[in-house]
N, C-alpha and C. Protein backbone atom coordinates (compact mmCIF):
# COMPACT_ATOMS: atom_id res chain seq x y z
N MET A 1 0.82 -1.19 0.00
CA MET A 1 0.00 0.00 0.00
C MET A 1 0.87 1.26 0.00
N LYS A 2 2.00 1.23 0.73
CA LYS A 2 2.88 2.40 0.75
C LYS A 2 3.48 2.66 -0.62
N THR A 3 3.78 1.60 -1.35
CA THR A 3 4.35 1.76 -2.69
C THR A 3 3.34 2.43 -3.61
N LEU A 4 2.09 2.04 -3.47
CA LEU A 4 1.04 2.65 -4.29
C LEU A 4 0.91 4.14 -3.99
N ILE A 5 1.02 4.51 -2.73
CA ILE A 5 0.94 5.92 -2.35
C ILE A 5 2.14 6.68 -2.91
N LYS A 6 3.33 6.08 -2.85
CA LYS A 6 4.53 6.74 -3.37
C LYS A 6 4.41 6.98 -4.87
N TYR A 7 3.96 5.97 -5.61
CA TYR A 7 3.81 6.14 -7.05
C TYR A 7 2.71 7.15 -7.38
N GLY A 8 1.65 7.13 -6.62
CA GLY A 8 0.58 8.12 -6.82
C GLY A 8 1.08 9.52 -6.58
N LEU A 9 1.89 9.70 -5.54
CA LEU A 9 2.46 11.00 -5.25
C LEU A 9 3.37 11.47 -6.38
N LEU A 10 4.18 10.57 -6.91
CA LEU A 10 5.06 10.94 -8.02
C LEU A 10 4.29 11.33 -9.27
N ILE A 11 3.19 10.64 -9.55
CA ILE A 11 2.37 10.96 -10.71
C ILE A 11 1.72 12.33 -10.54
N ILE A 12 1.24 12.60 -9.33
CA ILE A 12 0.61 13.91 -9.06
C ILE A 12 1.63 15.03 -9.20
N VAL A 13 2.83 14.82 -8.67
CA VAL A 13 3.88 15.84 -8.78
C VAL A 13 4.27 16.05 -10.24
N PHE A 14 4.32 14.97 -11.01
CA PHE A 14 4.64 15.10 -12.43
C PHE A 14 3.59 15.93 -13.15
N ALA A 15 2.31 15.64 -12.89
CA ALA A 15 1.24 16.40 -13.54
C ALA A 15 1.27 17.86 -13.10
N LEU A 16 1.53 18.09 -11.81
CA LEU A 16 1.60 19.45 -11.30
C LEU A 16 2.79 20.20 -11.91
N SER A 17 3.89 19.51 -12.08
CA SER A 17 5.06 20.17 -12.65
C SER A 17 4.82 20.53 -14.12
N LEU A 18 4.13 19.69 -14.85
CA LEU A 18 3.79 20.04 -16.24
C LEU A 18 2.90 21.27 -16.30
N PHE A 19 1.92 21.31 -15.40
CA PHE A 19 1.02 22.47 -15.35
C PHE A 19 1.79 23.74 -15.01
N LEU A 20 2.64 23.66 -13.98
CA LEU A 20 3.39 24.85 -13.57
C LEU A 20 4.47 25.21 -14.57
N TYR A 21 4.99 24.24 -15.29
CA TYR A 21 6.00 24.52 -16.31
C TYR A 21 5.43 25.42 -17.40
N HIS A 22 4.18 25.18 -17.76
CA HIS A 22 3.55 26.00 -18.80
C HIS A 22 3.29 27.43 -18.31
N HIS A 23 3.29 27.61 -16.99
CA HIS A 23 3.13 28.95 -16.42
C HIS A 23 4.47 29.51 -15.93
N GLN A 24 5.56 28.94 -16.40
CA GLN A 24 6.93 29.34 -16.09
C GLN A 24 7.24 29.29 -14.59
N LEU A 25 6.69 28.29 -13.90
CA LEU A 25 6.98 28.05 -12.49
C LEU A 25 7.40 26.59 -12.28
N GLY A 26 8.13 26.04 -13.22
CA GLY A 26 8.45 24.62 -13.21
C GLY A 26 9.44 24.19 -12.16
N SER A 27 10.19 25.12 -11.58
CA SER A 27 11.20 24.71 -10.59
C SER A 27 10.60 24.44 -9.22
N ILE A 28 9.41 24.93 -8.95
CA ILE A 28 8.80 24.76 -7.63
C ILE A 28 8.53 23.28 -7.32
N PRO A 29 7.89 22.52 -8.19
CA PRO A 29 7.65 21.11 -7.85
C PRO A 29 8.94 20.31 -7.75
N PHE A 30 9.95 20.68 -8.51
CA PHE A 30 11.21 19.95 -8.43
C PHE A 30 11.92 20.23 -7.10
N LEU A 31 11.76 21.42 -6.58
CA LEU A 31 12.32 21.73 -5.26
C LEU A 31 11.61 20.90 -4.18
N ILE A 32 10.29 20.83 -4.25
CA ILE A 32 9.53 20.04 -3.29
C ILE A 32 9.86 18.56 -3.44
N LEU A 33 9.99 18.09 -4.66
CA LEU A 33 10.33 16.70 -4.91
C LEU A 33 11.73 16.36 -4.42
N SER A 34 12.64 17.31 -4.47
CA SER A 34 13.99 17.05 -3.96
C SER A 34 13.97 16.86 -2.45
N PHE A 35 13.13 17.62 -1.74
CA PHE A 35 12.99 17.40 -0.30
C PHE A 35 12.42 16.02 0.00
N TYR A 36 11.48 15.58 -0.83
CA TYR A 36 10.91 14.24 -0.65
C TYR A 36 11.98 13.16 -0.86
N PHE A 37 12.79 13.31 -1.88
CA PHE A 37 13.84 12.32 -2.14
C PHE A 37 14.91 12.34 -1.05
N ILE A 38 15.22 13.50 -0.51
CA ILE A 38 16.16 13.57 0.60
C ILE A 38 15.59 12.84 1.81
N TYR A 39 14.31 13.04 2.07
CA TYR A 39 13.65 12.35 3.18
C TYR A 39 13.69 10.83 2.98
N GLU A 40 13.37 10.37 1.78
CA GLU A 40 13.39 8.92 1.50
C GLU A 40 14.79 8.34 1.63
N ALA A 41 15.80 9.07 1.17
CA ALA A 41 17.18 8.60 1.28
C ALA A 41 17.62 8.54 2.74
N TYR A 42 17.25 9.54 3.52
CA TYR A 42 17.59 9.55 4.94
C TYR A 42 16.92 8.39 5.66
N ARG A 43 15.64 8.16 5.34
CA ARG A 43 14.91 7.05 5.97
C ARG A 43 15.52 5.71 5.60
N GLU A 44 15.97 5.57 4.38
CA GLU A 44 16.58 4.32 3.93
C GLU A 44 17.93 4.10 4.60
N CYS A 45 18.69 5.15 4.79
CA CYS A 45 20.02 5.02 5.40
C CYS A 45 19.95 4.78 6.90
N THR A 46 18.91 5.27 7.56
CA THR A 46 18.85 5.15 9.01
C THR A 46 17.97 4.02 9.50
N LYS A 47 17.31 3.31 8.62
CA LYS A 47 16.43 2.24 9.11
C LYS A 47 17.27 1.09 9.65
N ASP A 48 16.70 0.39 10.61
CA ASP A 48 17.38 -0.74 11.23
C ASP A 48 17.30 -1.92 10.28
N ASN A 49 18.43 -2.32 9.75
CA ASN A 49 18.42 -3.41 8.77
C ASN A 49 18.76 -4.74 9.39
N GLY A 50 18.95 -4.82 10.72
CA GLY A 50 19.12 -6.09 11.40
C GLY A 50 20.44 -6.79 11.14
N ARG A 51 21.49 -6.05 10.89
CA ARG A 51 22.77 -6.68 10.61
C ARG A 51 23.50 -7.08 11.88
N GLY A 52 22.96 -6.71 13.03
CA GLY A 52 23.58 -7.09 14.28
C GLY A 52 24.82 -6.29 14.60
N GLN A 53 24.64 -5.11 15.09
CA GLN A 53 25.78 -4.25 15.41
C GLN A 53 26.54 -4.83 16.59
N ASN A 54 27.81 -4.58 16.62
CA ASN A 54 28.67 -5.04 17.71
C ASN A 54 28.47 -4.11 18.90
N PRO A 55 28.00 -4.62 20.07
CA PRO A 55 27.74 -3.72 21.20
C PRO A 55 29.02 -3.11 21.77
N HIS A 56 30.17 -3.76 21.60
CA HIS A 56 31.42 -3.20 22.11
C HIS A 56 31.83 -1.95 21.31
N VAL A 57 31.54 -1.95 20.04
CA VAL A 57 31.87 -0.80 19.21
C VAL A 57 30.99 0.38 19.59
N GLU A 58 29.71 0.11 19.90
CA GLU A 58 28.82 1.19 20.28
C GLU A 58 29.24 1.83 21.60
N GLU A 59 29.87 1.06 22.49
CA GLU A 59 30.31 1.60 23.76
C GLU A 59 31.65 2.32 23.64
N GLY A 60 32.31 2.18 22.52
CA GLY A 60 33.59 2.81 22.30
C GLY A 60 34.77 1.93 22.68
N LYS A 61 34.51 0.67 22.98
CA LYS A 61 35.58 -0.25 23.34
C LYS A 61 35.96 -1.09 22.13
N THR A 62 37.20 -1.50 22.07
CA THR A 62 37.62 -2.38 20.99
C THR A 62 37.48 -3.82 21.45
N PRO A 63 37.06 -4.71 20.58
CA PRO A 63 36.88 -6.12 20.98
C PRO A 63 38.19 -6.84 21.24
């Protein structure tokens, strides 16, 4: 369901950017879309991927 929402959002932004491009305001949706992509990249980089971090490294000690 989240994927469907993401694709729907991208389609809406694309249609909005075409509309605004014809009114010479095409950079506005791309600026907003860049913030969205930065958010998605940050979320992807910080999510817990379950690789099992070493607790000694987190405490600052060497194993």
